Amino acid sequence: EVQLQASGGGLVQPGGSLRLSCAASGFTFSGSGMTWVRQAPGKRLEYVSSISSRGRTPNYADSVKGRFTISRDNAKNTLYQRVNSLKPEDKAVHYCRKGSLRGNGTLVTVSS
């Protein structure tokens, strides 16, 4: 069974940072490209970033480019996202995704 467990969210002030993690199991993580997506309150699911199976060729949505950094540790079966310079509009539940599968999310709230 594929499991994707996101963590690391929290409440931060504008301009703050967090590191999100996603622990993966139930599939060959090192052979899978992975994606972060997020859903803000009342909005549709939004693509944030993606990374290839070997950690190369990261891609980002324009809204987060230069502020977010996706990475992975295949030895630990874990996907990461460093989120910097957070803005109030970054408030959302963040999920990691393998293909069309996504697990539980982690809530990021940005407020002063």
N, C-alpha and C. Protein backbone atom coordinates (compact mmCIF):
# COMPACT_ATOMS: atom_id res chain seq x y z
N GLU A 1 0.84 -1.19 0.00
CA GLU A 1 0.00 0.00 0.00
C GLU A 1 0.88 1.25 0.00
N VAL A 2 0.63 2.13 -0.93
CA VAL A 2 1.36 3.39 -1.00
C VAL A 2 0.95 4.28 0.16
N GLN A 3 1.94 4.79 0.88
CA GLN A 3 1.68 5.75 1.95
C GLN A 3 2.58 6.97 1.76
N LEU A 4 1.97 8.14 1.91
CA LEU A 4 2.69 9.41 1.79
C LEU A 4 2.28 10.26 2.99
N GLN A 5 3.21 10.46 3.90
CA GLN A 5 2.93 11.14 5.16
C GLN A 5 3.67 12.46 5.22
N ALA A 6 2.96 13.55 5.05
CA ALA A 6 3.58 14.88 5.07
C ALA A 6 3.63 15.42 6.50
N SER A 7 4.65 16.22 6.79
CA SER A 7 4.80 16.84 8.10
C SER A 7 5.64 18.11 7.96
N GLY A 8 5.73 18.86 9.06
CA GLY A 8 6.59 20.03 9.06
C GLY A 8 5.88 21.36 8.94
N GLY A 9 4.59 21.32 8.73
CA GLY A 9 3.84 22.57 8.63
C GLY A 9 3.71 23.25 9.97
N GLY A 10 3.16 24.45 9.98
CA GLY A 10 2.97 25.18 11.22
C GLY A 10 2.59 26.61 10.95
N LEU A 11 2.60 27.39 12.01
CA LEU A 11 2.27 28.81 11.93
C LEU A 11 3.57 29.61 11.93
N VAL A 12 3.75 30.43 10.92
CA VAL A 12 4.94 31.29 10.85
C VAL A 12 4.51 32.71 10.48
N GLN A 13 5.37 33.65 10.78
CA GLN A 13 5.12 35.04 10.41
C GLN A 13 5.50 35.26 8.95
N PRO A 14 4.96 36.26 8.32
CA PRO A 14 5.37 36.59 6.96
C PRO A 14 6.88 36.74 6.88
N GLY A 15 7.47 36.16 5.86
CA GLY A 15 8.91 36.17 5.71
C GLY A 15 9.60 34.98 6.35
N GLY A 16 8.85 34.19 7.09
CA GLY A 16 9.41 33.04 7.77
C GLY A 16 9.66 31.85 6.86
N SER A 17 10.20 30.79 7.46
CA SER A 17 10.57 29.60 6.70
C SER A 17 10.13 28.34 7.42
N LEU A 18 9.97 27.29 6.63
CA LEU A 18 9.68 25.97 7.16
C LEU A 18 10.35 24.94 6.26
N ARG A 19 10.54 23.74 6.79
CA ARG A 19 10.94 22.62 5.95
C ARG A 19 9.86 21.54 6.05
N LEU A 20 9.24 21.28 4.94
CA LEU A 20 8.23 20.24 4.87
C LEU A 20 8.89 18.92 4.50
N SER A 21 8.37 17.84 5.07
CA SER A 21 8.88 16.51 4.75
C SER A 21 7.72 15.61 4.34
N CYS A 22 8.05 14.61 3.55
CA CYS A 22 7.06 13.62 3.16
C CYS A 22 7.72 12.24 3.21
N ALA A 23 7.31 11.43 4.16
CA ALA A 23 7.84 10.08 4.29
C ALA A 23 7.03 9.14 3.40
N ALA A 24 7.71 8.44 2.52
CA ALA A 24 7.04 7.58 1.54
C ALA A 24 7.31 6.11 1.82
N SER A 25 6.33 5.28 1.56
CA SER A 25 6.50 3.84 1.70
C SER A 25 5.51 3.11 0.80
N GLY A 26 5.79 1.83 0.57
CA GLY A 26 4.87 1.01 -0.21
C GLY A 26 5.16 1.01 -1.70
N PHE A 27 6.22 1.67 -2.12
CA PHE A 27 6.62 1.66 -3.53
C PHE A 27 8.11 1.98 -3.61
N THR A 28 8.66 1.85 -4.80
CA THR A 28 10.09 2.12 -5.00
C THR A 28 10.29 3.62 -5.14
N PHE A 29 10.55 4.25 -4.01
CA PHE A 29 10.65 5.71 -3.98
C PHE A 29 11.75 6.21 -4.92
N SER A 30 12.88 5.53 -4.93
CA SER A 30 14.03 6.00 -5.72
C SER A 30 13.76 5.93 -7.23
N GLY A 31 12.71 5.25 -7.62
CA GLY A 31 12.38 5.15 -9.04
C GLY A 31 11.22 6.03 -9.44
N SER A 32 10.78 6.89 -8.55
CA SER A 32 9.56 7.68 -8.80
C SER A 32 9.81 9.17 -8.77
N GLY A 33 9.37 9.86 -9.81
CA GLY A 33 9.31 11.30 -9.73
C GLY A 33 8.24 11.69 -8.72
N MET A 34 8.42 12.82 -8.05
CA MET A 34 7.50 13.23 -6.99
C MET A 34 7.12 14.69 -7.17
N THR A 35 5.99 15.03 -6.59
CA THR A 35 5.42 16.37 -6.74
C THR A 35 4.90 16.88 -5.40
N TRP A 36 5.01 18.17 -5.19
CA TRP A 36 4.30 18.84 -4.10
C TRP A 36 3.14 19.62 -4.73
N VAL A 37 2.01 19.52 -4.07
CA VAL A 37 0.85 20.31 -4.46
C VAL A 37 0.29 20.94 -3.18
N ARG A 38 -0.58 21.93 -3.33
CA ARG A 38 -1.18 22.54 -2.15
C ARG A 38 -2.61 22.98 -2.47
N GLN A 39 -3.38 23.13 -1.41
CA GLN A 39 -4.76 23.59 -1.55
C GLN A 39 -5.05 24.64 -0.49
N ALA A 40 -5.26 25.84 -0.96
CA ALA A 40 -5.62 26.94 -0.07
C ALA A 40 -7.11 26.86 0.25
N PRO A 41 -7.53 27.47 1.36
CA PRO A 41 -8.95 27.42 1.74
C PRO A 41 -9.85 27.94 0.62
N GLY A 42 -10.82 27.14 0.21
CA GLY A 42 -11.78 27.54 -0.79
C GLY A 42 -11.26 27.55 -2.21
N LYS A 43 -10.04 27.02 -2.42
CA LYS A 43 -9.45 27.05 -3.77
C LYS A 43 -9.15 25.64 -4.25
N ARG A 44 -8.84 25.55 -5.54
CA ARG A 44 -8.53 24.25 -6.13
C ARG A 44 -7.11 23.83 -5.79
N LEU A 45 -6.86 22.56 -5.97
CA LEU A 45 -5.53 22.03 -5.77
C LEU A 45 -4.57 22.69 -6.77
N GLU A 46 -3.39 23.06 -6.29
CA GLU A 46 -2.45 23.80 -7.12
C GLU A 46 -1.10 23.10 -7.15
N TYR A 47 -0.52 22.97 -8.33
CA TYR A 47 0.83 22.43 -8.48
C TYR A 47 1.83 23.40 -7.86
N VAL A 48 2.80 22.87 -7.13
CA VAL A 48 3.83 23.70 -6.52
C VAL A 48 5.21 23.39 -7.09
N SER A 49 5.61 22.12 -7.05
CA SER A 49 6.95 21.76 -7.51
C SER A 49 7.01 20.28 -7.83
N SER A 50 8.06 19.89 -8.53
CA SER A 50 8.27 18.49 -8.84
C SER A 50 9.75 18.21 -8.99
N ILE A 51 10.11 16.94 -8.87
CA ILE A 51 11.50 16.54 -8.95
C ILE A 51 11.58 15.15 -9.53
N SER A 52 12.63 14.89 -10.29
CA SER A 52 12.78 13.58 -10.92
C SER A 52 13.23 12.55 -9.89
N SER A 53 13.25 11.30 -10.29
CA SER A 53 13.55 10.21 -9.36
C SER A 53 14.95 10.32 -8.77
N ARG A 54 15.88 10.88 -9.52
CA ARG A 54 17.26 11.01 -9.03
C ARG A 54 17.55 12.39 -8.44
N GLY A 55 16.52 13.22 -8.33
CA GLY A 55 16.72 14.52 -7.70
C GLY A 55 17.18 15.60 -8.66
N ARG A 56 17.11 15.33 -9.91
CA ARG A 56 17.51 16.33 -10.91
C ARG A 56 16.28 17.03 -11.46
N THR A 57 16.51 18.01 -12.24
CA THR A 57 15.47 18.75 -12.97
C THR A 57 14.28 19.13 -12.11
N PRO A 58 14.51 19.89 -11.01
CA PRO A 58 13.35 20.39 -10.27
C PRO A 58 12.59 21.42 -11.09
N ASN A 59 11.30 21.47 -10.87
CA ASN A 59 10.45 22.46 -11.53
C ASN A 59 9.55 23.11 -10.50
N TYR A 60 9.19 24.36 -10.75
CA TYR A 60 8.41 25.12 -9.78
C TYR A 60 7.32 25.92 -10.46
N ALA A 61 6.22 26.10 -9.73
CA ALA A 61 5.21 27.05 -10.18
C ALA A 61 5.79 28.46 -10.09
N ASP A 62 5.35 29.33 -10.95
CA ASP A 62 5.85 30.70 -10.94
C ASP A 62 5.63 31.38 -9.59
N SER A 63 4.56 31.02 -8.92
CA SER A 63 4.21 31.67 -7.66
C SER A 63 5.20 31.37 -6.53
N VAL A 64 5.99 30.31 -6.68
CA VAL A 64 6.92 29.93 -5.60
C VAL A 64 8.37 29.93 -6.06
N LYS A 65 8.61 30.16 -7.32
CA LYS A 65 9.97 30.11 -7.87
C LYS A 65 10.86 31.11 -7.14
N GLY A 66 12.04 30.64 -6.72
CA GLY A 66 12.98 31.49 -5.99
C GLY A 66 12.76 31.49 -4.49
N ARG A 67 11.62 30.94 -4.03
CA ARG A 67 11.34 30.90 -2.59
C ARG A 67 11.27 29.47 -2.06
N PHE A 68 10.84 28.54 -2.87
CA PHE A 68 10.70 27.15 -2.46
C PHE A 68 11.80 26.32 -3.11
N THR A 69 12.27 25.29 -2.40
CA THR A 69 13.27 24.37 -2.94
C THR A 69 12.86 22.94 -2.64
N ILE A 70 12.65 22.17 -3.67
CA ILE A 70 12.30 20.77 -3.52
C ILE A 70 13.57 19.92 -3.54
N SER A 71 13.60 18.88 -2.73
CA SER A 71 14.74 17.97 -2.71
C SER A 71 14.27 16.60 -2.22
N ARG A 72 15.16 15.66 -2.26
CA ARG A 72 14.80 14.31 -1.82
C ARG A 72 16.02 13.57 -1.31
N ASP A 73 15.78 12.61 -0.44
CA ASP A 73 16.81 11.71 0.05
C ASP A 73 16.31 10.30 -0.22
N ASN A 74 16.79 9.70 -1.27
CA ASN A 74 16.30 8.37 -1.65
C ASN A 74 16.69 7.29 -0.64
N ALA A 75 17.78 7.51 0.09
CA ALA A 75 18.18 6.53 1.11
C ALA A 75 17.18 6.53 2.27
N LYS A 76 16.50 7.64 2.48
CA LYS A 76 15.53 7.75 3.57
C LYS A 76 14.09 7.70 3.09
N ASN A 77 13.90 7.51 1.78
CA ASN A 77 12.54 7.50 1.22
C ASN A 77 11.75 8.73 1.63
N THR A 78 12.40 9.87 1.54
CA THR A 78 11.78 11.11 2.01
C THR A 78 11.93 12.22 0.98
N LEU A 79 10.84 12.94 0.79
CA LEU A 79 10.80 14.11 -0.06
C LEU A 79 10.75 15.34 0.84
N TYR A 80 11.40 16.41 0.42
CA TYR A 80 11.44 17.64 1.22
C TYR A 80 11.00 18.84 0.39
N GLN A 81 10.61 19.86 1.08
CA GLN A 81 10.39 21.17 0.44
C GLN A 81 10.76 22.24 1.46
N ARG A 82 11.78 22.99 1.14
CA ARG A 82 12.13 24.15 1.94
C ARG A 82 11.30 25.32 1.43
N VAL A 83 10.57 25.96 2.34
CA VAL A 83 9.72 27.08 1.94
C VAL A 83 10.21 28.32 2.67
N ASN A 84 10.68 29.28 1.91
CA ASN A 84 11.24 30.52 2.46
C ASN A 84 10.38 31.71 2.07
N SER A 85 10.63 32.82 2.74
CA SER A 85 9.95 34.09 2.41
C SER A 85 8.44 33.89 2.30
N LEU A 86 7.88 33.24 3.29
CA LEU A 86 6.46 32.90 3.22
C LEU A 86 5.57 34.14 3.24
N LYS A 87 4.49 34.05 2.46
CA LYS A 87 3.52 35.13 2.35
C LYS A 87 2.17 34.64 2.84
N PRO A 88 1.30 35.54 3.24
CA PRO A 88 -0.04 35.11 3.69
C PRO A 88 -0.76 34.24 2.66
N GLU A 89 -0.53 34.51 1.39
CA GLU A 89 -1.21 33.73 0.35
C GLU A 89 -0.62 32.33 0.19
N ASP A 90 0.46 32.02 0.92
CA ASP A 90 0.99 30.65 0.90
C ASP A 90 0.24 29.73 1.86
N LYS A 91 -0.68 30.31 2.64
CA LYS A 91 -1.45 29.48 3.57
C LYS A 91 -2.20 28.41 2.78
N ALA A 92 -1.96 27.15 3.14
CA ALA A 92 -2.59 26.04 2.43
C ALA A 92 -2.22 24.73 3.12
N VAL A 93 -2.93 23.70 2.75
CA VAL A 93 -2.52 22.34 3.12
C VAL A 93 -1.62 21.85 2.00
N HIS A 94 -0.42 21.42 2.35
CA HIS A 94 0.58 20.98 1.38
C HIS A 94 0.62 19.46 1.37
N TYR A 95 0.60 18.88 0.18
CA TYR A 95 0.62 17.42 0.01
C TYR A 95 1.78 17.02 -0.89
N CYS A 96 2.33 15.85 -0.65
CA CYS A 96 3.22 15.27 -1.64
C CYS A 96 2.42 14.26 -2.45
N ARG A 97 2.85 14.06 -3.69
CA ARG A 97 2.07 13.25 -4.59
C ARG A 97 2.96 12.38 -5.47
N LYS A 98 2.53 11.16 -5.66
CA LYS A 98 3.17 10.24 -6.61
C LYS A 98 2.12 9.95 -7.68
N GLY A 99 2.34 10.49 -8.84
CA GLY A 99 1.32 10.34 -9.87
C GLY A 99 0.04 11.00 -9.40
N SER A 100 -1.05 10.25 -9.38
CA SER A 100 -2.33 10.79 -8.93
C SER A 100 -2.60 10.50 -7.46
N LEU A 101 -1.66 9.85 -6.80
CA LEU A 101 -1.84 9.48 -5.40
C LEU A 101 -1.25 10.53 -4.48
N ARG A 102 -2.01 10.95 -3.47
CA ARG A 102 -1.47 11.84 -2.45
C ARG A 102 -1.97 11.40 -1.10
N GLY A 103 -1.12 11.60 -0.11
CA GLY A 103 -1.48 11.18 1.23
C GLY A 103 -2.07 12.32 2.02
N ASN A 104 -1.86 12.27 3.33
CA ASN A 104 -2.34 13.36 4.16
C ASN A 104 -1.46 14.58 3.94
N GLY A 105 -1.95 15.71 4.25
CA GLY A 105 -1.19 16.93 4.05
C GLY A 105 -0.71 17.53 5.35
N THR A 106 0.01 18.63 5.22
CA THR A 106 0.47 19.37 6.38
C THR A 106 0.11 20.84 6.17
N LEU A 107 -0.45 21.47 7.19
CA LEU A 107 -0.97 22.82 7.06
C LEU A 107 0.10 23.86 7.31
N VAL A 108 0.23 24.78 6.39
CA VAL A 108 1.11 25.93 6.54
C VAL A 108 0.23 27.17 6.70
N THR A 109 0.43 27.89 7.78
CA THR A 109 -0.32 29.12 8.04
C THR A 109 0.67 30.26 8.20
N VAL A 110 0.42 31.34 7.50
CA VAL A 110 1.31 32.50 7.53
C VAL A 110 0.51 33.68 8.05
N SER A 111 0.89 34.16 9.22
CA SER A 111 0.13 35.24 9.83
C SER A 111 1.00 35.97 10.85
N SER A 112 0.79 37.26 10.93
CA SER A 112 1.51 38.04 11.93
C SER A 112 0.67 38.15 13.20
